[in-house]
Amino acid sequence: MLCSASCHIASNRIASNRIASHHNSPRQVLVGLYEEPERPPNAVDYIKRYMGAPTGVDVEALRVENEELKKEVAELRATQEEMSQRLREVEEADS
């Protein structure tokens, strides 16, 4: 290979940058928590919010809603298929 040495150096540099940014993130969260003028009542919620995770979301309610919507979609697809079949039958009868 022509660029084997330079490619390895570049890939190692990219990998170490990913590791550094990964380890840097928790440190930034803790520094942000430390520098907060008023301490939040719940540090875990603060960290979740800082990292971009949604807070105050009822996961179980979302799962139930998701299952209900999946059932509704299946019913609508069945209805659509039934209506398509009826339309084909009417078109065949008219021709």
C-alpha atoms as a PDB file:
ATOM      1  CA  MET A   1       0.000   0.000   0.000  1.00  0.00           C
ATOM      2  CA  LEU A   2       1.171   3.491  -0.778  1.00  0.00           C
ATOM      3  CA  CYS A   3      -0.078   5.306   2.280  1.00  0.00           C
ATOM      4  CA  SER A   4      -0.020   2.597   4.908  1.00  0.00           C
ATOM      5  CA  ALA A   5       2.083   4.518   7.444  1.00  0.00           C
ATOM      6  CA  SER A   6       0.285   7.832   6.991  1.00  0.00           C
ATOM      7  CA  CYS A   7      -3.118   6.100   6.964  1.00  0.00           C
ATOM      8  CA  HIS A   8      -2.343   4.346  10.246  1.00  0.00           C
ATOM      9  CA  ILE A   9      -1.196   7.622  11.814  1.00  0.00           C
ATOM     10  CA  ALA A  10      -4.355   9.391  10.648  1.00  0.00           C
ATOM     11  CA  SER A  11      -6.662   6.623  11.848  1.00  0.00           C
ATOM     12  CA  ASN A  12      -4.916   6.515  15.234  1.00  0.00           C
ATOM     13  CA  ARG A  13      -5.259  10.287  15.543  1.00  0.00           C
ATOM     14  CA  ILE A  14      -8.986  10.095  14.714  1.00  0.00           C
ATOM     15  CA  ALA A  15      -9.489   7.273  17.233  1.00  0.00           C
ATOM     16  CA  SER A  16      -7.672   9.134  19.997  1.00  0.00           C
ATOM     17  CA  ASN A  17      -9.698  12.299  19.255  1.00  0.00           C
ATOM     18  CA  ARG A  18     -12.922  10.284  19.596  1.00  0.00           C
ATOM     19  CA  ILE A  19     -11.724   8.831  22.914  1.00  0.00           C
ATOM     20  CA  ALA A  20     -10.650  12.254  24.173  1.00  0.00           C
ATOM     21  CA  SER A  21     -13.986  13.843  23.266  1.00  0.00           C
ATOM     22  CA  HIS A  22     -15.839  10.924  24.845  1.00  0.00           C
ATOM     23  CA  HIS A  23     -13.969  11.308  28.128  1.00  0.00           C
ATOM     24  CA  ASN A  24     -14.132  15.080  27.933  1.00  0.00           C
ATOM     25  CA  SER A  25     -17.926  15.170  27.921  1.00  0.00           C
ATOM     26  CA  PRO A  26     -18.531  13.859  31.468  1.00  0.00           C
ATOM     27  CA  ARG A  27     -15.852  16.193  32.744  1.00  0.00           C
ATOM     28  CA  GLN A  28     -17.588  19.148  31.072  1.00  0.00           C
ATOM     29  CA  VAL A  29     -20.896  18.134  32.660  1.00  0.00           C
ATOM     30  CA  LEU A  30     -19.343  17.985  36.116  1.00  0.00           C
ATOM     31  CA  VAL A  31     -17.581  21.320  35.619  1.00  0.00           C
ATOM     32  CA  GLY A  32     -20.884  22.833  34.482  1.00  0.00           C
ATOM     33  CA  LEU A  33     -22.599  21.411  37.550  1.00  0.00           C
ATOM     34  CA  TYR A  34     -19.864  22.782  39.785  1.00  0.00           C
ATOM     35  CA  GLU A  35     -20.027  26.232  38.164  1.00  0.00           C
ATOM     36  CA  GLU A  36     -23.830  26.427  38.436  1.00  0.00           C
ATOM     37  CA  PRO A  37     -24.617  29.381  40.751  1.00  0.00           C
ATOM     38  CA  GLU A  38     -27.619  27.639  42.298  1.00  0.00           C
ATOM     39  CA  ARG A  39     -27.348  23.930  42.836  1.00  0.00           C
ATOM     40  CA  PRO A  40     -30.062  21.994  41.033  1.00  0.00           C
ATOM     41  CA  PRO A  41     -32.320  19.903  43.281  1.00  0.00           C
ATOM     42  CA  ASN A  42     -31.519  16.729  41.349  1.00  0.00           C
ATOM     43  CA  ALA A  43     -27.999  16.342  39.941  1.00  0.00           C
ATOM     44  CA  VAL A  44     -28.963  13.361  37.779  1.00  0.00           C
ATOM     45  CA  ASP A  45     -31.702  15.350  36.024  1.00  0.00           C
ATOM     46  CA  TYR A  46     -29.240  18.203  35.515  1.00  0.00           C
ATOM     47  CA  ILE A  47     -26.720  15.823  33.931  1.00  0.00           C
ATOM     48  CA  LYS A  48     -29.390  14.279  31.704  1.00  0.00           C
ATOM     49  CA  ARG A  49     -30.528  17.721  30.563  1.00  0.00           C
ATOM     50  CA  TYR A  50     -26.924  18.831  29.996  1.00  0.00           C
ATOM     51  CA  MET A  51     -26.226  15.732  27.902  1.00  0.00           C
ATOM     52  CA  GLY A  52     -29.394  16.313  25.859  1.00  0.00           C
ATOM     53  CA  ALA A  53     -31.576  13.527  27.240  1.00  0.00           C
ATOM     54  CA  PRO A  54     -35.256  14.325  27.674  1.00  0.00           C
ATOM     55  CA  THR A  55     -36.408  14.696  31.252  1.00  0.00           C
ATOM     56  CA  GLY A  56     -39.856  14.209  32.685  1.00  0.00           C
ATOM     57  CA  VAL A  57     -40.878  11.741  29.971  1.00  0.00           C
ATOM     58  CA  ASP A  58     -43.102   8.807  30.915  1.00  0.00           C
ATOM     59  CA  VAL A  59     -41.453   6.015  28.938  1.00  0.00           C
ATOM     60  CA  GLU A  60     -44.124   3.442  29.777  1.00  0.00           C
ATOM     61  CA  ALA A  61     -46.888   5.745  28.511  1.00  0.00           C
ATOM     62  CA  LEU A  62     -44.939   6.241  25.280  1.00  0.00           C
ATOM     63  CA  ARG A  63     -44.583   2.473  24.851  1.00  0.00           C
ATOM     64  CA  VAL A  64     -48.326   1.955  25.355  1.00  0.00           C
ATOM     65  CA  GLU A  65     -49.116   4.733  22.897  1.00  0.00           C
ATOM     66  CA  ASN A  66     -46.669   3.237  20.399  1.00  0.00           C
ATOM     67  CA  GLU A  67     -48.351  -0.176  20.620  1.00  0.00           C
ATOM     68  CA  GLU A  68     -51.791   1.394  20.178  1.00  0.00           C
ATOM     69  CA  LEU A  69     -50.595   3.310  17.133  1.00  0.00           C
ATOM     70  CA  LYS A  70     -49.071   0.154  15.639  1.00  0.00           C
ATOM     71  CA  LYS A  71     -52.443  -1.606  16.025  1.00  0.00           C
ATOM     72  CA  GLU A  72     -54.227   1.350  14.451  1.00  0.00           C
ATOM     73  CA  VAL A  73     -51.824   1.342  11.503  1.00  0.00           C
ATOM     74  CA  ALA A  74     -52.385  -2.398  11.001  1.00  0.00           C
ATOM     75  CA  GLU A  75     -56.162  -1.885  11.058  1.00  0.00           C
ATOM     76  CA  LEU A  76     -55.944   0.997   8.591  1.00  0.00           C
ATOM     77  CA  ARG A  77     -53.753  -1.036   6.250  1.00  0.00           C
ATOM     78  CA  ALA A  78     -56.258  -3.907   6.381  1.00  0.00           C
ATOM     79  CA  THR A  79     -59.112  -1.475   5.640  1.00  0.00           C
ATOM     80  CA  GLN A  80     -57.132   0.042   2.780  1.00  0.00           C
ATOM     81  CA  GLU A  81     -56.479  -3.395   1.297  1.00  0.00           C
ATOM     82  CA  GLU A  82     -60.158  -4.308   1.650  1.00  0.00           C
ATOM     83  CA  MET A  83     -61.229  -1.077  -0.081  1.00  0.00           C
ATOM     84  CA  SER A  84     -58.701  -1.623  -2.856  1.00  0.00           C
ATOM     85  CA  GLN A  85     -60.098  -5.105  -3.419  1.00  0.00           C
ATOM     86  CA  ARG A  86     -63.673  -3.755  -3.543  1.00  0.00           C
ATOM     87  CA  LEU A  87     -62.605  -1.079  -6.040  1.00  0.00           C
ATOM     88  CA  ARG A  88     -61.002  -3.700  -8.280  1.00  0.00           C
ATOM     89  CA  GLU A  89     -64.193  -5.774  -8.140  1.00  0.00           C
ATOM     90  CA  VAL A  90     -66.355  -2.743  -9.055  1.00  0.00           C
ATOM     91  CA  GLU A  91     -64.031  -1.807 -11.914  1.00  0.00           C
ATOM     92  CA  GLU A  92     -64.071  -5.383 -13.222  1.00  0.00           C
ATOM     93  CA  ALA A  93     -67.893  -5.458 -13.039  1.00  0.00           C
ATOM     94  CA  ASP A  94     -68.131  -2.179 -15.000  1.00  0.00           C
ATOM     95  CA  SER A  95     -65.907  -3.351 -17.804  1.00  0.00           C
END
